[in-house]
Amino acid sequence: MTDLPTLIAKAIRTADNSFFSEDYTKQAMAVMKALTAAGYEICPKTAPDKLVEYAIDNMPFGRMKPEDFIKEFYTTIVTNARRLEK
């Protein structure tokens, strides 16, 4: 797995190689796309109420090992963080 600074630097370099009037939005979108492709997601540091409600409503029922529960919970929160922030 590539370290994050290298991944971000490569995305910016690939997105916009002009010397003047850089398109920072284009660079930002390239970084976000590269992070997503590498398995990362950008999400708020604090879970909004809407996201907490979604996670509660969508957690699996039944007996689970604690590590499986945490993995499932984490995936549910991170996968839906940006989708539900609107």
Protein backbone atom coordinates (compact mmCIF):
# COMPACT_ATOMS: atom_id res chain seq x y z
CA MET A 1 0.00 0.00 0.00
CA THR A 2 1.33 3.43 -0.96
CA ASP A 3 1.72 5.91 1.87
CA LEU A 4 -0.80 8.76 1.80
CA PRO A 5 1.56 11.68 1.06
CA THR A 6 2.97 9.85 -1.96
CA LEU A 7 -0.50 8.91 -3.17
CA ILE A 8 -1.71 12.51 -2.88
CA ALA A 9 1.41 13.93 -4.55
CA LYS A 10 1.06 11.55 -7.51
CA ALA A 11 -2.62 12.42 -7.91
CA ILE A 12 -1.87 16.16 -7.97
CA ARG A 13 1.03 15.75 -10.39
CA THR A 14 -1.12 13.66 -12.74
CA ALA A 15 -4.16 15.96 -12.52
CA ASP A 16 -2.60 19.27 -13.44
CA ASN A 17 0.86 19.87 -14.84
CA SER A 18 0.45 23.52 -15.80
CA PHE A 19 2.88 26.09 -14.46
CA PHE A 20 0.38 28.93 -14.15
CA SER A 21 -3.29 29.08 -13.18
CA GLU A 22 -3.40 25.64 -11.62
CA ASP A 23 -6.86 24.14 -11.35
CA TYR A 24 -7.03 23.33 -7.64
CA THR A 25 -10.51 21.84 -7.91
CA LYS A 26 -9.25 19.45 -10.58
CA GLN A 27 -6.32 18.56 -8.31
CA ALA A 28 -8.60 18.02 -5.32
CA MET A 29 -10.93 15.78 -7.32
CA ALA A 30 -7.94 13.76 -8.55
CA VAL A 31 -6.74 13.30 -4.97
CA MET A 32 -10.17 12.16 -3.81
CA LYS A 33 -10.44 9.73 -6.74
CA ALA A 34 -6.95 8.32 -6.02
CA LEU A 35 -7.77 7.88 -2.33
CA THR A 36 -11.03 6.09 -3.12
CA ALA A 37 -9.27 3.82 -5.64
CA ALA A 38 -6.69 2.95 -2.97
CA GLY A 39 -9.43 1.97 -0.51
CA TYR A 40 -9.66 5.16 1.55
CA GLU A 41 -12.66 7.36 2.22
CA ILE A 42 -12.79 10.95 3.35
CA CYS A 43 -15.34 11.43 6.08
CA PRO A 44 -16.11 13.83 8.92
CA LYS A 45 -14.18 13.40 12.16
CA THR A 46 -17.40 13.42 14.17
CA ALA A 47 -20.37 11.33 13.06
CA PRO A 48 -23.42 13.48 12.30
CA ASP A 49 -26.71 12.44 13.94
CA LYS A 50 -28.11 11.33 10.57
CA LEU A 51 -25.19 8.91 10.15
CA VAL A 52 -25.55 7.54 13.68
CA GLU A 53 -29.25 6.89 13.06
CA TYR A 54 -28.43 5.14 9.78
CA ALA A 55 -25.81 2.94 11.46
CA ILE A 56 -28.24 1.97 14.23
CA ASP A 57 -30.93 1.07 11.70
CA ASN A 58 -28.54 -0.96 9.51
CA MET A 59 -26.49 -2.98 11.95
CA PRO A 60 -26.81 -6.75 11.58
CA PHE A 61 -28.74 -8.73 14.14
CA GLY A 62 -27.64 -11.93 15.80
CA ARG A 63 -24.54 -13.09 17.56
CA MET A 64 -21.26 -11.77 16.26
CA LYS A 65 -17.73 -11.94 17.52
CA PRO A 66 -16.69 -8.51 18.84
CA GLU A 67 -14.08 -8.07 16.07
CA ASP A 68 -16.68 -8.87 13.37
CA PHE A 69 -19.12 -6.40 14.93
CA ILE A 70 -16.49 -3.62 14.99
CA LYS A 71 -15.49 -4.29 11.37
CA GLU A 72 -19.12 -4.23 10.25
CA PHE A 73 -19.86 -1.07 12.25
CA TYR A 74 -16.75 0.71 10.94
CA THR A 75 -17.56 -0.22 7.35
CA THR A 76 -21.15 0.97 7.73
CA ILE A 77 -20.08 4.32 9.16
CA VAL A 78 -17.23 5.06 6.75
CA THR A 79 -19.04 3.85 3.63
CA ASN A 80 -22.05 6.07 4.31
CA ALA A 81 -20.41 9.12 5.92
CA ARG A 82 -20.26 11.34 2.83
CA ARG A 83 -23.46 10.01 1.30
CA LEU A 84 -25.49 11.00 4.37
CA GLU A 85 -23.85 14.35 5.12
CA LYS A 86 -26.00 16.18 2.55
